[in-house]
Amino acid sequence: MPTLTIMTGDQAGTSFELAKRTLSVGRDPSRYIQVIDSKVSRKHAVVRMGDAGHMISSAQSKNGLLINGEEIAEETRLADGDEVMLGDTVLRYRVDTGSDYTNAVHHRKIADRDARDANTMM
């Protein structure tokens, strides 16, 4: 299953299994893939499944989106091993990984549950 794995920073080693639906990436906790980096926009990028595989595009973020060190201006297909840079954070795209990774949607559900529990008065 394709994944994006955070390679740098406090979240290094965190992997997100990419769903077949469109996923937003950014600093905001409401994003399906949250990247905690002050140089990452609240909504920085969008990953979606296209006919040729996973596609990534910028969400008009101020700090841009780089793939393998080159800034992209339009939607681009991800290839196995590509390094995606958002702010100071590098993520690596892998096409086939084991089943050890958790789904990005699962991370979102956990975050929603934790936020809900924190706001529930006992």
PDB file of N, CA and C in Angstrom:
ATOM      1  N   MET A   1       0.844  -1.176   0.000  1.00  0.00           N
ATOM      2  CA  MET A   1       0.000   0.000   0.000  1.00  0.00           C
ATOM      3  C   MET A   1       0.894   1.245   0.000  1.00  0.00           C
ATOM      4  N   PRO A   2       0.617   2.230  -0.838  1.00  0.00           N
ATOM      5  CA  PRO A   2       1.425   3.452  -0.887  1.00  0.00           C
ATOM      6  C   PRO A   2       1.384   4.233   0.435  1.00  0.00           C
ATOM      7  N   THR A   3       2.539   4.812   0.786  1.00  0.00           N
ATOM      8  CA  THR A   3       2.639   5.580   2.026  1.00  0.00           C
ATOM      9  C   THR A   3       3.448   6.846   1.825  1.00  0.00           C
ATOM     10  N   LEU A   4       3.222   7.796   2.723  1.00  0.00           N
ATOM     11  CA  LEU A   4       4.087   8.958   2.891  1.00  0.00           C
ATOM     12  C   LEU A   4       4.663   8.832   4.289  1.00  0.00           C
ATOM     13  N   THR A   5       5.983   8.866   4.408  1.00  0.00           N
ATOM     14  CA  THR A   5       6.660   8.735   5.700  1.00  0.00           C
ATOM     15  C   THR A   5       7.431  10.010   5.981  1.00  0.00           C
ATOM     16  N   ILE A   6       7.215  10.577   7.161  1.00  0.00           N
ATOM     17  CA  ILE A   6       7.951  11.774   7.563  1.00  0.00           C
ATOM     18  C   ILE A   6       9.372  11.345   7.909  1.00  0.00           C
ATOM     19  N   MET A   7      10.355  12.004   7.273  1.00  0.00           N
ATOM     20  CA  MET A   7      11.748  11.619   7.415  1.00  0.00           C
ATOM     21  C   MET A   7      12.536  12.521   8.364  1.00  0.00           C
ATOM     22  N   THR A   8      12.049  13.742   8.615  1.00  0.00           N
ATOM     23  CA  THR A   8      12.795  14.709   9.422  1.00  0.00           C
ATOM     24  C   THR A   8      11.915  15.292  10.527  1.00  0.00           C
ATOM     25  N   GLY A   9      12.559  15.833  11.556  1.00  0.00           N
ATOM     26  CA  GLY A   9      11.845  16.527  12.620  1.00  0.00           C
ATOM     27  C   GLY A   9      11.308  15.607  13.691  1.00  0.00           C
ATOM     28  N   ASP A  10      10.479  16.183  14.568  1.00  0.00           N
ATOM     29  CA  ASP A  10       9.918  15.448  15.701  1.00  0.00           C
ATOM     30  C   ASP A  10       9.016  14.293  15.284  1.00  0.00           C
ATOM     31  N   GLN A  11       8.431  14.371  14.103  1.00  0.00           N
ATOM     32  CA  GLN A  11       7.522  13.327  13.637  1.00  0.00           C
ATOM     33  C   GLN A  11       8.224  12.270  12.786  1.00  0.00           C
ATOM     34  N   ALA A  12       9.548  12.331  12.694  1.00  0.00           N
ATOM     35  CA  ALA A  12      10.298  11.384  11.851  1.00  0.00           C
ATOM     36  C   ALA A  12       9.893   9.955  12.171  1.00  0.00           C
ATOM     37  N   GLY A  13       9.647   9.186  11.126  1.00  0.00           N
ATOM     38  CA  GLY A  13       9.249   7.789  11.288  1.00  0.00           C
ATOM     39  C   GLY A  13       7.749   7.579  11.230  1.00  0.00           C
ATOM     40  N   THR A  14       6.968   8.657  11.321  1.00  0.00           N
ATOM     41  CA  THR A  14       5.515   8.534  11.231  1.00  0.00           C
ATOM     42  C   THR A  14       5.135   8.300   9.772  1.00  0.00           C
ATOM     43  N   SER A  15       4.390   7.234   9.523  1.00  0.00           N
ATOM     44  CA  SER A  15       3.979   6.893   8.165  1.00  0.00           C
ATOM     45  C   SER A  15       2.467   6.945   8.035  1.00  0.00           C
ATOM     46  N   PHE A  16       2.035   7.364   6.863  1.00  0.00           N
ATOM     47  CA  PHE A  16       0.610   7.459   6.569  1.00  0.00           C
ATOM     48  C   PHE A  16       0.311   6.646   5.319  1.00  0.00           C
ATOM     49  N   GLU A  17      -0.554   5.676   5.462  1.00  0.00           N
ATOM     50  CA  GLU A  17      -0.996   4.888   4.318  1.00  0.00           C
ATOM     51  C   GLU A  17      -1.956   5.765   3.528  1.00  0.00           C
ATOM     52  N   LEU A  18      -1.740   5.880   2.242  1.00  0.00           N
ATOM     53  CA  LEU A  18      -2.567   6.764   1.424  1.00  0.00           C
ATOM     54  C   LEU A  18      -3.841   6.068   0.977  1.00  0.00           C
ATOM     55  N   ALA A  19      -4.936   6.714   1.242  1.00  0.00           N
ATOM     56  CA  ALA A  19      -6.238   6.191   0.840  1.00  0.00           C
ATOM     57  C   ALA A  19      -6.458   6.487  -0.649  1.00  0.00           C
ATOM     58  N   LYS A  20      -7.493   5.904  -1.201  1.00  0.00           N
ATOM     59  CA  LYS A  20      -7.795   6.147  -2.608  1.00  0.00           C
ATOM     60  C   LYS A  20      -8.542   7.457  -2.801  1.00  0.00           C
ATOM     61  N   ARG A  21      -8.968   8.074  -1.700  1.00  0.00           N
ATOM     62  CA  ARG A  21      -9.660   9.354  -1.823  1.00  0.00           C
ATOM     63  C   ARG A  21      -8.677  10.502  -1.617  1.00  0.00           C
ATOM     64  N   THR A  22      -9.111  11.699  -1.915  1.00  0.00           N
ATOM     65  CA  THR A  22      -8.274  12.885  -1.783  1.00  0.00           C
ATOM     66  C   THR A  22      -7.997  13.184  -0.315  1.00  0.00           C
ATOM     67  N   LEU A  23      -6.717  13.451  -0.002  1.00  0.00           N
ATOM     68  CA  LEU A  23      -6.299  13.751   1.363  1.00  0.00           C
ATOM     69  C   LEU A  23      -5.584  15.092   1.392  1.00  0.00           C
ATOM     70  N   SER A  24      -5.898  15.912   2.400  1.00  0.00           N
ATOM     71  CA  SER A  24      -5.204  17.186   2.543  1.00  0.00           C
ATOM     72  C   SER A  24      -4.038  17.032   3.515  1.00  0.00           C
ATOM     73  N   VAL A  25      -2.987  17.812   3.264  1.00  0.00           N
ATOM     74  CA  VAL A  25      -1.764  17.771   4.056  1.00  0.00           C
ATOM     75  C   VAL A  25      -1.472  19.181   4.548  1.00  0.00           C
ATOM     76  N   GLY A  26      -1.198  19.310   5.846  1.00  0.00           N
ATOM     77  CA  GLY A  26      -0.860  20.631   6.364  1.00  0.00           C
ATOM     78  C   GLY A  26      -0.668  20.631   7.862  1.00  0.00           C
ATOM     79  N   ARG A  27      -0.442  21.822   8.404  1.00  0.00           N
ATOM     80  CA  ARG A  27      -0.174  21.989   9.831  1.00  0.00           C
ATOM     81  C   ARG A  27      -1.453  21.910  10.683  1.00  0.00           C
ATOM     82  N   ASP A  28      -2.574  22.266  10.108  1.00  0.00           N
ATOM     83  CA  ASP A  28      -3.841  22.290  10.837  1.00  0.00           C
ATOM     84  C   ASP A  28      -4.226  20.890  11.301  1.00  0.00           C
ATOM     85  N   PRO A  29      -4.664  20.752  12.562  1.00  0.00           N
ATOM     86  CA  PRO A  29      -5.048  19.423  13.070  1.00  0.00           C
ATOM     87  C   PRO A  29      -6.212  18.783  12.308  1.00  0.00           C
ATOM     88  N   SER A  30      -6.960  19.576  11.546  1.00  0.00           N
ATOM     89  CA  SER A  30      -8.083  19.001  10.796  1.00  0.00           C
ATOM     90  C   SER A  30      -7.627  18.333   9.498  1.00  0.00           C
ATOM     91  N   ARG A  31      -6.367  18.449   9.131  1.00  0.00           N
ATOM     92  CA  ARG A  31      -5.841  17.799   7.924  1.00  0.00           C
ATOM     93  C   ARG A  31      -5.698  16.299   8.170  1.00  0.00           C
ATOM     94  N   TYR A  32      -5.918  15.518   7.133  1.00  0.00           N
ATOM     95  CA  TYR A  32      -5.797  14.071   7.278  1.00  0.00           C
ATOM     96  C   TYR A  32      -4.345  13.670   7.517  1.00  0.00           C
ATOM     97  N   ILE A  33      -3.415  14.418   6.929  1.00  0.00           N
ATOM     98  CA  ILE A  33      -2.002  14.206   7.217  1.00  0.00           C
ATOM     99  C   ILE A  33      -1.496  15.519   7.824  1.00  0.00           C
ATOM    100  N   GLN A  34      -1.333  15.515   9.152  1.00  0.00           N
ATOM    101  CA  GLN A  34      -0.877  16.715   9.842  1.00  0.00           C
ATOM    102  C   GLN A  34       0.641  16.710   9.949  1.00  0.00           C
ATOM    103  N   VAL A  35       1.260  17.798   9.504  1.00  0.00           N
ATOM    104  CA  VAL A  35       2.712  17.968   9.580  1.00  0.00           C
ATOM    105  C   VAL A  35       2.967  19.143  10.520  1.00  0.00           C
ATOM    106  N   ILE A  36       3.574  18.850  11.648  1.00  0.00           N
ATOM    107  CA  ILE A  36       3.816  19.883  12.658  1.00  0.00           C
ATOM    108  C   ILE A  36       5.157  20.540  12.345  1.00  0.00           C
ATOM    109  N   ASP A  37       5.065  21.678  11.660  1.00  0.00           N
ATOM    110  CA  ASP A  37       6.229  22.438  11.215  1.00  0.00           C
ATOM    111  C   ASP A  37       5.736  23.868  11.004  1.00  0.00           C
ATOM    112  N   SER A  38       6.370  24.846  11.646  1.00  0.00           N
ATOM    113  CA  SER A  38       5.899  26.230  11.565  1.00  0.00           C
ATOM    114  C   SER A  38       5.971  26.801  10.150  1.00  0.00           C
ATOM    115  N   LYS A  39       6.750  26.199   9.261  1.00  0.00           N
ATOM    116  CA  LYS A  39       6.847  26.673   7.884  1.00  0.00           C
ATOM    117  C   LYS A  39       5.858  25.985   6.953  1.00  0.00           C
ATOM    118  N   VAL A  40       5.049  25.079   7.500  1.00  0.00           N
ATOM    119  CA  VAL A  40       4.021  24.395   6.718  1.00  0.00           C
ATOM    120  C   VAL A  40       2.709  25.153   6.907  1.00  0.00           C
ATOM    121  N   SER A  41       2.028  25.421   5.802  1.00  0.00           N
ATOM    122  CA  SER A  41       0.746  26.122   5.852  1.00  0.00           C
ATOM    123  C   SER A  41      -0.317  25.244   6.497  1.00  0.00           C
ATOM    124  N   ARG A  42      -1.384  25.871   6.969  1.00  0.00           N
ATOM    125  CA  ARG A  42      -2.472  25.092   7.571  1.00  0.00           C
ATOM    126  C   ARG A  42      -2.986  24.053   6.586  1.00  0.00           C
ATOM    127  N   LYS A  43      -3.153  24.462   5.329  1.00  0.00           N
ATOM    128  CA  LYS A  43      -3.463  23.511   4.252  1.00  0.00           C
ATOM    129  C   LYS A  43      -2.383  23.730   3.203  1.00  0.00           C
ATOM    130  N   HIS A  44      -1.441  22.835   3.149  1.00  0.00           N
ATOM    131  CA  HIS A  44      -0.242  23.025   2.326  1.00  0.00           C
ATOM    132  C   HIS A  44      -0.325  22.312   0.974  1.00  0.00           C
ATOM    133  N   ALA A  45      -0.862  21.100   0.984  1.00  0.00           N
ATOM    134  CA  ALA A  45      -0.881  20.299  -0.240  1.00  0.00           C
ATOM    135  C   ALA A  45      -2.083  19.360  -0.242  1.00  0.00           C
ATOM    136  N   VAL A  46      -2.317  18.789  -1.406  1.00  0.00           N
ATOM    137  CA  VAL A  46      -3.399  17.819  -1.584  1.00  0.00           C
ATOM    138  C   VAL A  46      -2.828  16.608  -2.318  1.00  0.00           C
ATOM    139  N   VAL A  47      -3.133  15.417  -1.810  1.00  0.00           N
ATOM    140  CA  VAL A  47      -2.723  14.163  -2.453  1.00  0.00           C
ATOM    141  C   VAL A  47      -3.996  13.447  -2.885  1.00  0.00           C
ATOM    142  N   ARG A  48      -4.018  13.016  -4.143  1.00  0.00           N
ATOM    143  CA  ARG A  48      -5.188  12.283  -4.635  1.00  0.00           C
ATOM    144  C   ARG A  48      -4.734  11.148  -5.529  1.00  0.00           C
ATOM    145  N   MET A  49      -5.602  10.172  -5.672  1.00  0.00           N
ATOM    146  CA  MET A  49      -5.327   9.037  -6.548  1.00  0.00           C
ATOM    147  C   MET A  49      -5.781   9.412  -7.951  1.00  0.00           C
ATOM    148  N   GLY A  50      -4.853   9.393  -8.892  1.00  0.00           N
ATOM    149  CA  GLY A  50      -5.164   9.669 -10.286  1.00  0.00           C
ATOM    150  C   GLY A  50      -5.113   8.388 -11.093  1.00  0.00           C
ATOM    151  N   ASP A  51      -5.316   8.511 -12.384  1.00  0.00           N
ATOM    152  CA  ASP A  51      -5.273   7.339 -13.266  1.00  0.00           C
ATOM    153  C   ASP A  51      -3.893   6.698 -13.283  1.00  0.00           C
ATOM    154  N   ALA A  52      -2.842   7.528 -13.132  1.00  0.00           N
ATOM    155  CA  ALA A  52      -1.468   7.025 -13.223  1.00  0.00           C
ATOM    156  C   ALA A  52      -0.832   6.808 -11.860  1.00  0.00           C
ATOM    157  N   GLY A  53      -1.584   6.934 -10.794  1.00  0.00           N
ATOM    158  CA  GLY A  53      -1.036   6.775  -9.451  1.00  0.00           C
ATOM    159  C   GLY A  53      -1.351   7.993  -8.593  1.00  0.00           C
ATOM    160  N   HIS A  54      -0.642   8.132  -7.487  1.00  0.00           N
ATOM    161  CA  HIS A  54      -0.899   9.256  -6.583  1.00  0.00           C
ATOM    162  C   HIS A  54      -0.328  10.548  -7.147  1.00  0.00           C
ATOM    163  N   MET A  55      -1.140  11.586  -7.058  1.00  0.00           N
ATOM    164  CA  MET A  55      -0.788  12.906  -7.544  1.00  0.00           C
ATOM    165  C   MET A  55      -0.723  13.849  -6.347  1.00  0.00           C
ATOM    166  N   ILE A  56       0.183  14.844  -6.415  1.00  0.00           N
ATOM    167  CA  ILE A  56       0.278  15.828  -5.350  1.00  0.00           C
ATOM    168  C   ILE A  56       0.280  17.212  -5.974  1.00  0.00           C
ATOM    169  N   SER A  57      -0.368  18.146  -5.289  1.00  0.00           N
ATOM    170  CA  SER A  57      -0.381  19.529  -5.757  1.00  0.00           C
ATOM    171  C   SER A  57      -0.341  20.452  -4.554  1.00  0.00           C
ATOM    172  N   SER A  58       0.170  21.646  -4.789  1.00  0.00           N
ATOM    173  CA  SER A  58       0.229  22.664  -3.745  1.00  0.00           C
ATOM    174  C   SER A  58      -1.161  23.241  -3.553  1.00  0.00           C
ATOM    175  N   ALA A  59      -1.436  23.655  -2.346  1.00  0.00           N
ATOM    176  CA  ALA A  59      -2.707  24.333  -2.050  1.00  0.00           C
ATOM    177  C   ALA A  59      -2.430  25.834  -1.947  1.00  0.00           C
ATOM    178  N   GLN A  60      -1.608  26.351  -2.852  1.00  0.00           N
ATOM    179  CA  GLN A  60      -1.187  27.744  -2.893  1.00  0.00           C
ATOM    180  C   GLN A  60      -0.552  28.182  -1.572  1.00  0.00           C
ATOM    181  N   SER A  61       0.281  27.321  -0.990  1.00  0.00           N
ATOM    182  CA  SER A  61       0.964  27.629   0.255  1.00  0.00           C
ATOM    183  C   SER A  61       2.066  28.650  -0.010  1.00  0.00           C
ATOM    184  N   LYS A  62       2.362  29.462   1.003  1.00  0.00           N
ATOM    185  CA  LYS A  62       3.394  30.496   0.875  1.00  0.00           C
ATOM    186  C   LYS A  62       4.786  29.913   0.679  1.00  0.00           C
ATOM    187  N   ASN A  63       5.072  28.776   1.322  1.00  0.00           N
ATOM    188  CA  ASN A  63       6.418  28.213   1.283  1.00  0.00           C
ATOM    189  C   ASN A  63       6.635  27.195   0.179  1.00  0.00           C
ATOM    190  N   GLY A  64       5.638  26.983  -0.649  1.00  0.00           N
ATOM    191  CA  GLY A  64       5.807  26.104  -1.795  1.00  0.00           C
ATOM    192  C   GLY A  64       5.887  24.630  -1.465  1.00  0.00           C
ATOM    193  N   LEU A  65       6.067  23.857  -2.503  1.00  0.00           N
ATOM    194  CA  LEU A  65       6.107  22.404  -2.421  1.00  0.00           C
ATOM    195  C   LEU A  65       7.224  21.927  -3.345  1.00  0.00           C
ATOM    196  N   LEU A  66       8.154  21.174  -2.791  1.00  0.00           N
ATOM    197  CA  LEU A  66       9.272  20.673  -3.581  1.00  0.00           C
ATOM    198  C   LEU A  66       9.216  19.153  -3.658  1.00  0.00           C
ATOM    199  N   ILE A  67       9.533  18.634  -4.830  1.00  0.00           N
ATOM    200  CA  ILE A  67       9.666  17.188  -5.012  1.00  0.00           C
ATOM    201  C   ILE A  67      11.089  16.955  -5.513  1.00  0.00           C
ATOM    202  N   ASN A  68      11.830  16.163  -4.744  1.00  0.00           N
ATOM    203  CA  ASN A  68      13.235  15.879  -5.061  1.00  0.00           C
ATOM    204  C   ASN A  68      14.031  17.169  -5.282  1.00  0.00           C
ATOM    205  N   GLY A  69      13.743  18.187  -4.463  1.00  0.00           N
ATOM    206  CA  GLY A  69      14.484  19.446  -4.505  1.00  0.00           C
ATOM    207  C   GLY A  69      14.009  20.457  -5.520  1.00  0.00           C
ATOM    208  N   GLU A  70      13.023  20.120  -6.334  1.00  0.00           N
ATOM    209  CA  GLU A  70      12.524  21.045  -7.348  1.00  0.00           C
ATOM    210  C   GLU A  70      11.106  21.485  -7.013  1.00  0.00           C
ATOM    211  N   GLU A  71      10.893  22.810  -7.047  1.00  0.00           N
ATOM    212  CA  GLU A  71       9.567  23.342  -6.750  1.00  0.00           C
ATOM    213  C   GLU A  71       8.608  22.968  -7.879  1.00  0.00           C
ATOM    214  N   ILE A  72       7.400  22.573  -7.486  1.00  0.00           N
ATOM    215  CA  ILE A  72       6.399  22.228  -8.493  1.00  0.00           C
ATOM    216  C   ILE A  72       5.324  23.306  -8.517  1.00  0.00           C
ATOM    217  N   ALA A  73       4.815  23.588  -9.701  1.00  0.00           N
ATOM    218  CA  ALA A  73       3.796  24.613  -9.867  1.00  0.00           C
ATOM    219  C   ALA A  73       2.441  24.002 -10.201  1.00  0.00           C
ATOM    220  N   GLU A  74       2.446  22.752 -10.635  1.00  0.00           N
ATOM    221  CA  GLU A  74       1.191  22.099 -11.002  1.00  0.00           C
ATOM    222  C   GLU A  74       1.158  20.686 -10.432  1.00  0.00           C
ATOM    223  N   GLU A  75       0.002  20.066 -10.523  1.00  0.00           N
ATOM    224  CA  GLU A  75      -0.144  18.710  -9.994  1.00  0.00           C
ATOM    225  C   GLU A  75       0.888  17.785 -10.635  1.00  0.00           C
ATOM    226  N   THR A  76       1.522  16.973  -9.793  1.00  0.00           N
ATOM    227  CA  THR A  76       2.602  16.100 -10.238  1.00  0.00           C
ATOM    228  C   THR A  76       2.392  14.690  -9.721  1.00  0.00           C
ATOM    229  N   ARG A  77       2.688  13.700 -10.567  1.00  0.00           N
ATOM    230  CA  ARG A  77       2.582  12.302 -10.167  1.00  0.00           C
ATOM    231  C   ARG A  77       3.776  11.943  -9.293  1.00  0.00           C
ATOM    232  N   LEU A  78       3.502  11.250  -8.198  1.00  0.00           N
ATOM    233  CA  LEU A  78       4.564  10.790  -7.306  1.00  0.00           C
ATOM    234  C   LEU A  78       5.101   9.451  -7.793  1.00  0.00           C
ATOM    235  N   ALA A  79       6.417   9.314  -7.736  1.00  0.00           N
ATOM    236  CA  ALA A  79       7.078   8.057  -8.097  1.00  0.00           C
ATOM    237  C   ALA A  79       7.703   7.463  -6.840  1.00  0.00           C
ATOM    238  N   ASP A  80       7.866   6.154  -6.817  1.00  0.00           N
ATOM    239  CA  ASP A  80       8.438   5.468  -5.667  1.00  0.00           C
ATOM    240  C   ASP A  80       9.783   6.097  -5.285  1.00  0.00           C
ATOM    241  N   GLY A  81       9.915   6.464  -4.015  1.00  0.00           N
ATOM    242  CA  GLY A  81      11.152   7.042  -3.509  1.00  0.00           C
ATOM    243  C   GLY A  81      11.218   8.553  -3.568  1.00  0.00           C
ATOM    244  N   ASP A  82      10.231   9.201  -4.181  1.00  0.00           N
ATOM    245  CA  ASP A  82      10.228  10.662  -4.243  1.00  0.00           C
ATOM    246  C   ASP A  82      10.255  11.252  -2.845  1.00  0.00           C
ATOM    247  N   GLU A  83      11.006  12.360  -2.701  1.00  0.00           N
ATOM    248  CA  GLU A  83      11.029  13.090  -1.445  1.00  0.00           C
ATOM    249  C   GLU A  83      10.263  14.385  -1.632  1.00  0.00           C
ATOM    250  N   VAL A  84       9.259  14.573  -0.796  1.00  0.00           N
ATOM    251  CA  VAL A  84       8.389  15.738  -0.847  1.00  0.00           C
ATOM    252  C   VAL A  84       8.781  16.640   0.315  1.00  0.00           C
ATOM    253  N   MET A  85       9.060  17.914   0.025  1.00  0.00           N
ATOM    254  CA  MET A  85       9.451  18.843   1.081  1.00  0.00           C
ATOM    255  C   MET A  85       8.376  19.889   1.274  1.00  0.00           C
ATOM    256  N   LEU A  86       7.871  19.948   2.526  1.00  0.00           N
ATOM    257  CA  LEU A  86       6.897  20.950   2.942  1.00  0.00           C
ATOM    258  C   LEU A  86       7.560  21.734   4.070  1.00  0.00           C
ATOM    259  N   GLY A  87       7.798  23.029   3.905  1.00  0.00           N
ATOM    260  CA  GLY A  87       8.506  23.777   4.939  1.00  0.00           C
ATOM    261  C   GLY A  87       9.877  23.160   5.136  1.00  0.00           C
ATOM    262  N   ASP A  88      10.207  22.792   6.383  1.00  0.00           N
ATOM    263  CA  ASP A  88      11.480  22.127   6.690  1.00  0.00           C
ATOM    264  C   ASP A  88      11.323  20.614   6.820  1.00  0.00           C
ATOM    265  N   THR A  89      10.147  20.100   6.501  1.00  0.00           N
ATOM    266  CA  THR A  89       9.853  18.679   6.690  1.00  0.00           C
ATOM    267  C   THR A  89       9.932  17.915   5.369  1.00  0.00           C
ATOM    268  N   VAL A  90      10.617  16.782   5.409  1.00  0.00           N
ATOM    269  CA  VAL A  90      10.747  15.922   4.230  1.00  0.00           C
ATOM    270  C   VAL A  90       9.926  14.659   4.455  1.00  0.00           C
ATOM    271  N   LEU A  91       9.107  14.316   3.460  1.00  0.00           N
ATOM    272  CA  LEU A  91       8.329  13.076   3.473  1.00  0.00           C
ATOM    273  C   LEU A  91       8.774  12.233   2.292  1.00  0.00           C
ATOM    274  N   ARG A  92       8.824  10.929   2.470  1.00  0.00           N
ATOM    275  CA  ARG A  92       9.208  10.024   1.378  1.00  0.00           C
ATOM    276  C   ARG A  92       7.983   9.218   0.953  1.00  0.00           C
ATOM    277  N   TYR A  93       7.765   9.164  -0.360  1.00  0.00           N
ATOM    278  CA  TYR A  93       6.662   8.401  -0.934  1.00  0.00           C
ATOM    279  C   TYR A  93       7.160   7.012  -1.296  1.00  0.00           C
ATOM    280  N   ARG A  94       6.431   6.006  -0.856  1.00  0.00           N
ATOM    281  CA  ARG A  94       6.735   4.609  -1.189  1.00  0.00           C
ATOM    282  C   ARG A  94       5.478   3.969  -1.762  1.00  0.00           C
ATOM    283  N   VAL A  95       5.659   3.244  -2.840  1.00  0.00           N
ATOM    284  CA  VAL A  95       4.517   2.588  -3.487  1.00  0.00           C
ATOM    285  C   VAL A  95       4.096   1.346  -2.733  1.00  0.00           C
ATOM    286  N   ASP A  96       5.065   0.512  -2.368  1.00  0.00           N
ATOM    287  CA  ASP A  96       4.727  -0.752  -1.719  1.00  0.00           C
ATOM    288  C   ASP A  96       5.482  -0.854  -0.397  1.00  0.00           C
ATOM    289  N   THR A  97       4.719  -0.967   0.670  1.00  0.00           N
ATOM    290  CA  THR A  97       5.309  -1.155   1.990  1.00  0.00           C
ATOM    291  C   THR A  97       4.608  -2.337   2.629  1.00  0.00           C
ATOM    292  N   GLY A  98       5.065  -2.734   3.773  1.00  0.00           N
ATOM    293  CA  GLY A  98       4.401  -3.814   4.489  1.00  0.00           C
ATOM    294  C   GLY A  98       3.099  -3.327   5.090  1.00  0.00           C
ATOM    295  N   SER A  99       2.490  -4.140   5.890  1.00  0.00           N
ATOM    296  CA  SER A  99       1.224  -3.779   6.526  1.00  0.00           C
ATOM    297  C   SER A  99       1.445  -3.136   7.887  1.00  0.00           C
ATOM    298  N   ASP A 100       2.695  -2.733   8.192  1.00  0.00           N
ATOM    299  CA  ASP A 100       3.021  -2.149   9.490  1.00  0.00           C
ATOM    300  C   ASP A 100       2.597  -0.691   9.615  1.00  0.00           C
ATOM    301  N   TYR A 101       2.213  -0.063   8.518  1.00  0.00           N
ATOM    302  CA  TYR A 101       1.895   1.355   8.542  1.00  0.00           C
ATOM    303  C   TYR A 101       0.416   1.578   8.823  1.00  0.00           C
ATOM    304  N   THR A 102       0.121   2.706   9.460  1.00  0.00           N
ATOM    305  CA  THR A 102      -1.267   3.032   9.754  1.00  0.00           C
ATOM    306  C   THR A 102      -1.816   3.984   8.712  1.00  0.00           C
ATOM    307  N   ASN A 103      -3.073   3.868   8.459  1.00  0.00           N
ATOM    308  CA  ASN A 103      -3.773   4.674   7.484  1.00  0.00           C
ATOM    309  C   ASN A 103      -3.876   6.117   7.955  1.00  0.00           C
ATOM    310  N   ALA A 104      -3.729   7.089   7.039  1.00  0.00           N
ATOM    311  CA  ALA A 104      -3.840   8.504   7.382  1.00  0.00           C
ATOM    312  C   ALA A 104      -5.221   8.811   7.953  1.00  0.00           C
ATOM    313  N   VAL A 105      -6.244   8.153   7.434  1.00  0.00           N
ATOM    314  CA  VAL A 105      -7.595   8.366   7.955  1.00  0.00           C
ATOM    315  C   VAL A 105      -7.677   7.874   9.402  1.00  0.00           C
ATOM    316  N   HIS A 106      -6.975   6.783   9.718  1.00  0.00           N
ATOM    317  CA  HIS A 106      -6.940   6.274  11.087  1.00  0.00           C
ATOM    318  C   HIS A 106      -6.314   7.315  12.018  1.00  0.00           C
ATOM    319  N   HIS A 107      -5.220   7.950  11.594  1.00  0.00           N
ATOM    320  CA  HIS A 107      -4.593   9.003  12.409  1.00  0.00           C
ATOM    321  C   HIS A 107      -5.587  10.129  12.676  1.00  0.00           C
ATOM    322  N   ARG A 108      -6.370  10.494  11.665  1.00  0.00           N
ATOM    323  CA  ARG A 108      -7.366  11.571  11.805  1.00  0.00           C
ATOM    324  C   ARG A 108      -8.431  11.170  12.816  1.00  0.00           C
ATOM    325  N   LYS A 109      -8.907   9.946  12.753  1.00  0.00           N
ATOM    326  CA  LYS A 109      -9.932   9.489  13.683  1.00  0.00           C
ATOM    327  C   LYS A 109      -9.416   9.513  15.115  1.00  0.00           C
ATOM    328  N   ILE A 110      -8.164   9.102  15.318  1.00  0.00           N
ATOM    329  CA  ILE A 110      -7.563   9.121  16.652  1.00  0.00           C
ATOM    330  C   ILE A 110      -7.473  10.555  17.157  1.00  0.00           C
ATOM    331  N   ALA A 111      -7.023  11.482  16.292  1.00  0.00           N
ATOM    332  CA  ALA A 111      -6.900  12.889  16.684  1.00  0.00           C
ATOM    333  C   ALA A 111      -8.264  13.467  17.041  1.00  0.00           C
ATOM    334  N   ASP A 112      -9.294  13.140  16.243  1.00  0.00           N
ATOM    335  CA  ASP A 112     -10.648  13.617  16.538  1.00  0.00           C
ATOM    336  C   ASP A 112     -11.138  13.066  17.873  1.00  0.00           C
ATOM    337  N   ARG A 113     -10.894  11.793  18.122  1.00  0.00           N
ATOM    338  CA  ARG A 113     -11.329  11.186  19.372  1.00  0.00           C
ATOM    339  C   ARG A 113     -10.611  11.811  20.559  1.00  0.00           C
ATOM    340  N   ASP A 114      -9.310  12.023  20.424  1.00  0.00           N
ATOM    341  CA  ASP A 114      -8.534  12.636  21.509  1.00  0.00           C
ATOM    342  C   ASP A 114      -9.023  14.055  21.796  1.00  0.00           C
ATOM    343  N   ALA A 115      -9.306  14.833  20.753  1.00  0.00           N
ATOM    344  CA  ALA A 115      -9.805  16.196  20.932  1.00  0.00           C
ATOM    345  C   ALA A 115     -11.183  16.182  21.586  1.00  0.00           C
ATOM    346  N   ARG A 116     -12.025  15.257  21.168  1.00  0.00           N
ATOM    347  CA  ARG A 116     -13.359  15.140  21.731  1.00  0.00           C
ATOM    348  C   ARG A 116     -13.279  14.764  23.212  1.00  0.00           C
ATOM    349  N   ASP A 117     -12.406  13.798  23.542  1.00  0.00           N
ATOM    350  CA  ASP A 117     -12.233  13.378  24.943  1.00  0.00           C
ATOM    351  C   ASP A 117     -11.701  14.523  25.798  1.00  0.00           C
ATOM    352  N   ALA A 118     -10.790  15.320  25.254  1.00  0.00           N
ATOM    353  CA  ALA A 118     -10.201  16.429  26.004  1.00  0.00           C
ATOM    354  C   ALA A 118     -11.244  17.512  26.301  1.00  0.00           C
ATOM    355  N   ASN A 119     -12.248  17.624  25.443  1.00  0.00           N
ATOM    356  CA  ASN A 119     -13.256  18.663  25.599  1.00  0.00           C
ATOM    357  C   ASN A 119     -14.519  18.167  26.317  1.00  0.00           C
ATOM    358  N   THR A 120     -14.521  16.920  26.719  1.00  0.00           N
ATOM    359  CA  THR A 120     -15.676  16.354  27.405  1.00  0.00           C
ATOM    360  C   THR A 120     -15.530  16.546  28.905  1.00  0.00           C
ATOM    361  N   MET A 121     -16.531  17.137  29.482  1.00  0.00           N
ATOM    362  CA  MET A 121     -16.493  17.365  30.942  1.00  0.00           C
ATOM    363  C   MET A 121     -16.936  16.112  31.653  1.00  0.00           C
ATOM    364  N   MET A 122     -16.242  15.764  32.689  1.00  0.00           N
ATOM    365  CA  MET A 122     -16.572  14.562  33.457  1.00  0.00           C
ATOM    366  C   MET A 122     -17.298  14.945  34.708  1.00  0.00           C
TER     367      MET A 122
END
